[in-house]
Amino acid sequence: FFQTENHRLLKDREFLILKPNGGNSSEEEYFIKEAASSITQPISMEMEKIDATGFELKGSPATVALDFDKLQFPLKLRRWKKGDKFVPLGMKGAKKLSDYFVDRKFSRFQKEQVWLLCSEDDIVWIVNERLNDRYKLSNTTKTIYFARLY
């Protein structure tokens, strides 16, 4: 990794990636109130509460269906921080986000672009990537919090 006043150069495996400096502050946080039906900053997303009866999920990383009763509002969108952990969907134990990024072969620049949807300090969804297993739908779910990127 090399940085000048105006640009950053990253050697990622066999590739060199050049990007201008600036843009993404890791300190940015955006809050989503329970009554919100959509947001446009920092990402464009629609949200709605749905009765779980007869709900059928069509899988896509750009959508997420969460157990509404497990969420604490306001939800928060933020960038990842060193030491962040979550329980990936289908796993039982926690995994460091940095290890998840290594497994998925994310470059440093890709990691900088990731948004996390959080309930209090708990990561609920790596947006457009992976759900936290603790917030998945179950047979006891009554209300679904459904979010879709657009």
C-alpha atoms as a PDB file:
ATOM      1  CA  PHE A   1       0.000   0.000   0.000  1.00  0.00           C
ATOM      2  CA  PHE A   2       1.359   3.397  -1.037  1.00  0.00           C
ATOM      3  CA  GLN A   3      -0.207   6.777  -0.437  1.00  0.00           C
ATOM      4  CA  THR A   4       0.541  10.242  -1.774  1.00  0.00           C
ATOM      5  CA  GLU A   5      -1.224  13.515  -1.145  1.00  0.00           C
ATOM      6  CA  ASN A   6      -3.695  12.838  -3.974  1.00  0.00           C
ATOM      7  CA  HIS A   7      -3.788   9.056  -4.585  1.00  0.00           C
ATOM      8  CA  ARG A   8      -3.553   5.610  -3.011  1.00  0.00           C
ATOM      9  CA  LEU A   9      -1.990   2.586  -4.707  1.00  0.00           C
ATOM     10  CA  LEU A  10      -2.752  -0.919  -3.519  1.00  0.00           C
ATOM     11  CA  LYS A  11      -1.070  -4.138  -4.612  1.00  0.00           C
ATOM     12  CA  ASP A  12      -3.795  -6.739  -4.185  1.00  0.00           C
ATOM     13  CA  ARG A  13      -2.624 -10.214  -5.188  1.00  0.00           C
ATOM     14  CA  GLU A  14      -1.697  -9.836  -8.902  1.00  0.00           C
ATOM     15  CA  PHE A  15      -3.368  -6.439  -9.340  1.00  0.00           C
ATOM     16  CA  LEU A  16      -2.404  -2.824  -8.801  1.00  0.00           C
ATOM     17  CA  ILE A  17      -5.378  -0.625  -7.849  1.00  0.00           C
ATOM     18  CA  LEU A  18      -5.085   3.168  -7.998  1.00  0.00           C
ATOM     19  CA  LYS A  19      -7.692   5.403  -6.325  1.00  0.00           C
ATOM     20  CA  PRO A  20      -7.922   9.102  -5.514  1.00  0.00           C
ATOM     21  CA  ASN A  21      -7.743  10.034  -1.827  1.00  0.00           C
ATOM     22  CA  GLY A  22     -10.758  11.100   0.161  1.00  0.00           C
ATOM     23  CA  GLY A  23     -14.361  10.148   0.391  1.00  0.00           C
ATOM     24  CA  ASN A  24     -15.042   7.505   2.990  1.00  0.00           C
ATOM     25  CA  SER A  25     -14.717   8.472   6.600  1.00  0.00           C
ATOM     26  CA  SER A  26     -14.798   5.491   8.941  1.00  0.00           C
ATOM     27  CA  GLU A  27     -16.481   7.743  11.516  1.00  0.00           C
ATOM     28  CA  GLU A  28     -19.706   8.162   9.523  1.00  0.00           C
ATOM     29  CA  GLU A  29     -22.849   6.849  11.208  1.00  0.00           C
ATOM     30  CA  TYR A  30     -26.437   7.053   9.985  1.00  0.00           C
ATOM     31  CA  PHE A  31     -29.474   6.194  12.086  1.00  0.00           C
ATOM     32  CA  ILE A  32     -32.681   4.531  10.879  1.00  0.00           C
ATOM     33  CA  LYS A  33     -35.831   5.103  12.898  1.00  0.00           C
ATOM     34  CA  GLU A  34     -38.384   2.337  13.300  1.00  0.00           C
ATOM     35  CA  ALA A  35     -40.998   4.278  11.289  1.00  0.00           C
ATOM     36  CA  ALA A  36     -38.664   4.951   8.329  1.00  0.00           C
ATOM     37  CA  SER A  37     -39.750   3.376   5.036  1.00  0.00           C
ATOM     38  CA  SER A  38     -36.668   4.340   3.013  1.00  0.00           C
ATOM     39  CA  ILE A  39     -33.304   6.073   3.131  1.00  0.00           C
ATOM     40  CA  THR A  40     -31.094   7.538   0.412  1.00  0.00           C
ATOM     41  CA  GLN A  41     -27.960   8.300   2.439  1.00  0.00           C
ATOM     42  CA  PRO A  42     -25.431   6.695   2.687  1.00  0.00           C
ATOM     43  CA  ILE A  43     -27.091   3.978   0.598  1.00  0.00           C
ATOM     44  CA  SER A  44     -30.520   3.699  -1.020  1.00  0.00           C
ATOM     45  CA  MET A  45     -32.672   1.218   0.859  1.00  0.00           C
ATOM     46  CA  GLU A  46     -36.376   0.520   1.398  1.00  0.00           C
ATOM     47  CA  MET A  47     -37.622  -0.995   4.640  1.00  0.00           C
ATOM     48  CA  GLU A  48     -40.967  -2.379   5.760  1.00  0.00           C
ATOM     49  CA  LYS A  49     -42.521  -4.433   8.526  1.00  0.00           C
ATOM     50  CA  ILE A  50     -44.342  -7.526   7.275  1.00  0.00           C
ATOM     51  CA  ASP A  51     -46.494 -10.110   9.031  1.00  0.00           C
ATOM     52  CA  ALA A  52     -44.528 -13.377   9.072  1.00  0.00           C
ATOM     53  CA  THR A  53     -47.597 -15.469   8.196  1.00  0.00           C
ATOM     54  CA  GLY A  54     -47.104 -16.894   4.711  1.00  0.00           C
ATOM     55  CA  PHE A  55     -43.934 -14.877   4.053  1.00  0.00           C
ATOM     56  CA  GLU A  56     -41.686 -16.414   1.405  1.00  0.00           C
ATOM     57  CA  LEU A  57     -38.126 -15.137   1.081  1.00  0.00           C
ATOM     58  CA  LYS A  58     -36.508 -14.991  -2.314  1.00  0.00           C
ATOM     59  CA  GLY A  59     -32.769 -14.943  -1.598  1.00  0.00           C
ATOM     60  CA  SER A  60     -30.576 -12.100  -2.767  1.00  0.00           C
ATOM     61  CA  PRO A  61     -27.639 -10.398  -1.032  1.00  0.00           C
ATOM     62  CA  ALA A  62     -29.379  -7.057  -1.765  1.00  0.00           C
ATOM     63  CA  THR A  63     -32.316  -8.003   0.490  1.00  0.00           C
ATOM     64  CA  VAL A  64     -32.540  -9.064   4.094  1.00  0.00           C
ATOM     65  CA  ALA A  65     -35.405 -10.353   6.231  1.00  0.00           C
ATOM     66  CA  LEU A  66     -34.848  -9.912   9.969  1.00  0.00           C
ATOM     67  CA  ASP A  67     -36.766 -10.944  13.063  1.00  0.00           C
ATOM     68  CA  PHE A  68     -38.245  -7.571  14.040  1.00  0.00           C
ATOM     69  CA  ASP A  69     -38.568  -8.466  17.734  1.00  0.00           C
ATOM     70  CA  LYS A  70     -34.805  -8.958  18.050  1.00  0.00           C
ATOM     71  CA  LEU A  71     -33.974  -5.447  16.776  1.00  0.00           C
ATOM     72  CA  GLN A  72     -33.342  -2.355  18.913  1.00  0.00           C
ATOM     73  CA  PHE A  73     -34.144   0.955  17.206  1.00  0.00           C
ATOM     74  CA  PRO A  74     -32.820   3.211  15.938  1.00  0.00           C
ATOM     75  CA  LEU A  75     -30.746   0.945  13.719  1.00  0.00           C
ATOM     76  CA  LYS A  76     -27.356   2.263  12.695  1.00  0.00           C
ATOM     77  CA  LEU A  77     -25.412   2.140   9.422  1.00  0.00           C
ATOM     78  CA  ARG A  78     -21.666   2.436   9.889  1.00  0.00           C
ATOM     79  CA  ARG A  79     -18.324   1.316   8.485  1.00  0.00           C
ATOM     80  CA  TRP A  80     -16.454  -1.629   9.962  1.00  0.00           C
ATOM     81  CA  LYS A  81     -13.941  -1.183  12.767  1.00  0.00           C
ATOM     82  CA  LYS A  82     -11.025  -3.305  13.905  1.00  0.00           C
ATOM     83  CA  GLY A  83     -12.266  -5.971  16.319  1.00  0.00           C
ATOM     84  CA  ASP A  84     -15.823  -6.148  14.899  1.00  0.00           C
ATOM     85  CA  LYS A  85     -17.389  -9.619  15.163  1.00  0.00           C
ATOM     86  CA  PHE A  86     -20.601 -11.240  14.018  1.00  0.00           C
ATOM     87  CA  VAL A  87     -22.138 -14.721  13.695  1.00  0.00           C
ATOM     88  CA  PRO A  88     -22.364 -15.485   9.942  1.00  0.00           C
ATOM     89  CA  LEU A  89     -25.645 -17.028   8.803  1.00  0.00           C
ATOM     90  CA  GLY A  90     -25.392 -20.809   9.169  1.00  0.00           C
ATOM     91  CA  MET A  91     -22.596 -20.714  11.756  1.00  0.00           C
ATOM     92  CA  LYS A  92     -22.814 -21.074  15.530  1.00  0.00           C
ATOM     93  CA  GLY A  93     -19.761 -19.121  16.674  1.00  0.00           C
ATOM     94  CA  ALA A  94     -18.633 -15.542  16.200  1.00  0.00           C
ATOM     95  CA  LYS A  95     -16.193 -14.590  13.470  1.00  0.00           C
ATOM     96  CA  LYS A  96     -14.040 -11.495  13.207  1.00  0.00           C
ATOM     97  CA  LEU A  97     -15.107  -9.290  10.348  1.00  0.00           C
ATOM     98  CA  SER A  98     -11.473  -8.978   9.274  1.00  0.00           C
ATOM     99  CA  ASP A  99     -11.320 -12.802   8.907  1.00  0.00           C
ATOM    100  CA  TYR A 100     -14.575 -12.780   6.937  1.00  0.00           C
ATOM    101  CA  PHE A 101     -13.045 -10.216   4.559  1.00  0.00           C
ATOM    102  CA  VAL A 102      -9.913 -12.345   4.132  1.00  0.00           C
ATOM    103  CA  ASP A 103     -12.025 -15.440   3.398  1.00  0.00           C
ATOM    104  CA  ARG A 104     -13.990 -13.481   0.772  1.00  0.00           C
ATOM    105  CA  LYS A 105     -10.729 -12.024  -0.639  1.00  0.00           C
ATOM    106  CA  PHE A 106     -11.784  -8.392  -0.148  1.00  0.00           C
ATOM    107  CA  SER A 107      -9.170  -5.800  -1.062  1.00  0.00           C
ATOM    108  CA  ARG A 108      -8.477  -2.935   1.317  1.00  0.00           C
ATOM    109  CA  PHE A 109     -10.554  -0.673  -0.934  1.00  0.00           C
ATOM    110  CA  GLN A 110     -13.499  -3.107  -0.961  1.00  0.00           C
ATOM    111  CA  LYS A 111     -13.430  -3.213   2.854  1.00  0.00           C
ATOM    112  CA  GLU A 112     -13.627   0.589   2.921  1.00  0.00           C
ATOM    113  CA  GLN A 113     -16.869   0.437   0.905  1.00  0.00           C
ATOM    114  CA  VAL A 114     -18.698  -1.989   3.211  1.00  0.00           C
ATOM    115  CA  TRP A 115     -21.638  -0.752   5.282  1.00  0.00           C
ATOM    116  CA  LEU A 116     -22.860  -2.542   8.400  1.00  0.00           C
ATOM    117  CA  LEU A 117     -26.451  -2.464   9.621  1.00  0.00           C
ATOM    118  CA  CYS A 118     -26.320  -2.582  13.414  1.00  0.00           C
ATOM    119  CA  SER A 119     -28.797  -2.947  16.254  1.00  0.00           C
ATOM    120  CA  GLU A 120     -27.156  -1.154  19.165  1.00  0.00           C
ATOM    121  CA  ASP A 121     -23.533  -2.407  18.893  1.00  0.00           C
ATOM    122  CA  ASP A 122     -24.437  -5.742  17.296  1.00  0.00           C
ATOM    123  CA  ILE A 123     -23.806  -6.242  13.565  1.00  0.00           C
ATOM    124  CA  VAL A 124     -27.069  -7.455  12.034  1.00  0.00           C
ATOM    125  CA  TRP A 125     -26.175  -7.419   8.331  1.00  0.00           C
ATOM    126  CA  ILE A 126     -23.042  -6.851   6.293  1.00  0.00           C
ATOM    127  CA  VAL A 127     -25.002  -4.910   3.699  1.00  0.00           C
ATOM    128  CA  ASN A 128     -25.253  -6.723   0.380  1.00  0.00           C
ATOM    129  CA  GLU A 129     -23.177  -9.586   1.814  1.00  0.00           C
ATOM    130  CA  ARG A 130     -24.208 -11.669   4.828  1.00  0.00           C
ATOM    131  CA  LEU A 131     -26.770 -11.772   7.640  1.00  0.00           C
ATOM    132  CA  ASN A 132     -25.966 -12.331  11.315  1.00  0.00           C
ATOM    133  CA  ASP A 133     -27.389 -15.751  12.255  1.00  0.00           C
ATOM    134  CA  ARG A 134     -28.852 -14.375  15.500  1.00  0.00           C
ATOM    135  CA  TYR A 135     -31.280 -12.142  13.548  1.00  0.00           C
ATOM    136  CA  LYS A 136     -32.538 -14.697  11.018  1.00  0.00           C
ATOM    137  CA  LEU A 137     -36.177 -15.664  10.754  1.00  0.00           C
ATOM    138  CA  SER A 138     -37.358 -18.621  12.796  1.00  0.00           C
ATOM    139  CA  ASN A 139     -40.631 -20.443  13.357  1.00  0.00           C
ATOM    140  CA  THR A 140     -41.293 -18.105  16.315  1.00  0.00           C
ATOM    141  CA  THR A 141     -40.914 -14.917  14.212  1.00  0.00           C
ATOM    142  CA  LYS A 142     -44.136 -12.889  14.238  1.00  0.00           C
ATOM    143  CA  THR A 143     -43.048  -9.732  12.417  1.00  0.00           C
ATOM    144  CA  ILE A 144     -40.393  -9.388   9.722  1.00  0.00           C
ATOM    145  CA  TYR A 145     -38.263  -6.323   9.147  1.00  0.00           C
ATOM    146  CA  PHE A 146     -37.565  -6.487   5.414  1.00  0.00           C
ATOM    147  CA  ALA A 147     -34.896  -4.274   3.808  1.00  0.00           C
ATOM    148  CA  ARG A 148     -34.024  -4.016   0.119  1.00  0.00           C
ATOM    149  CA  LEU A 149     -31.288  -2.054  -1.610  1.00  0.00           C
ATOM    150  CA  TYR A 150     -32.321  -0.112  -4.691  1.00  0.00           C
END
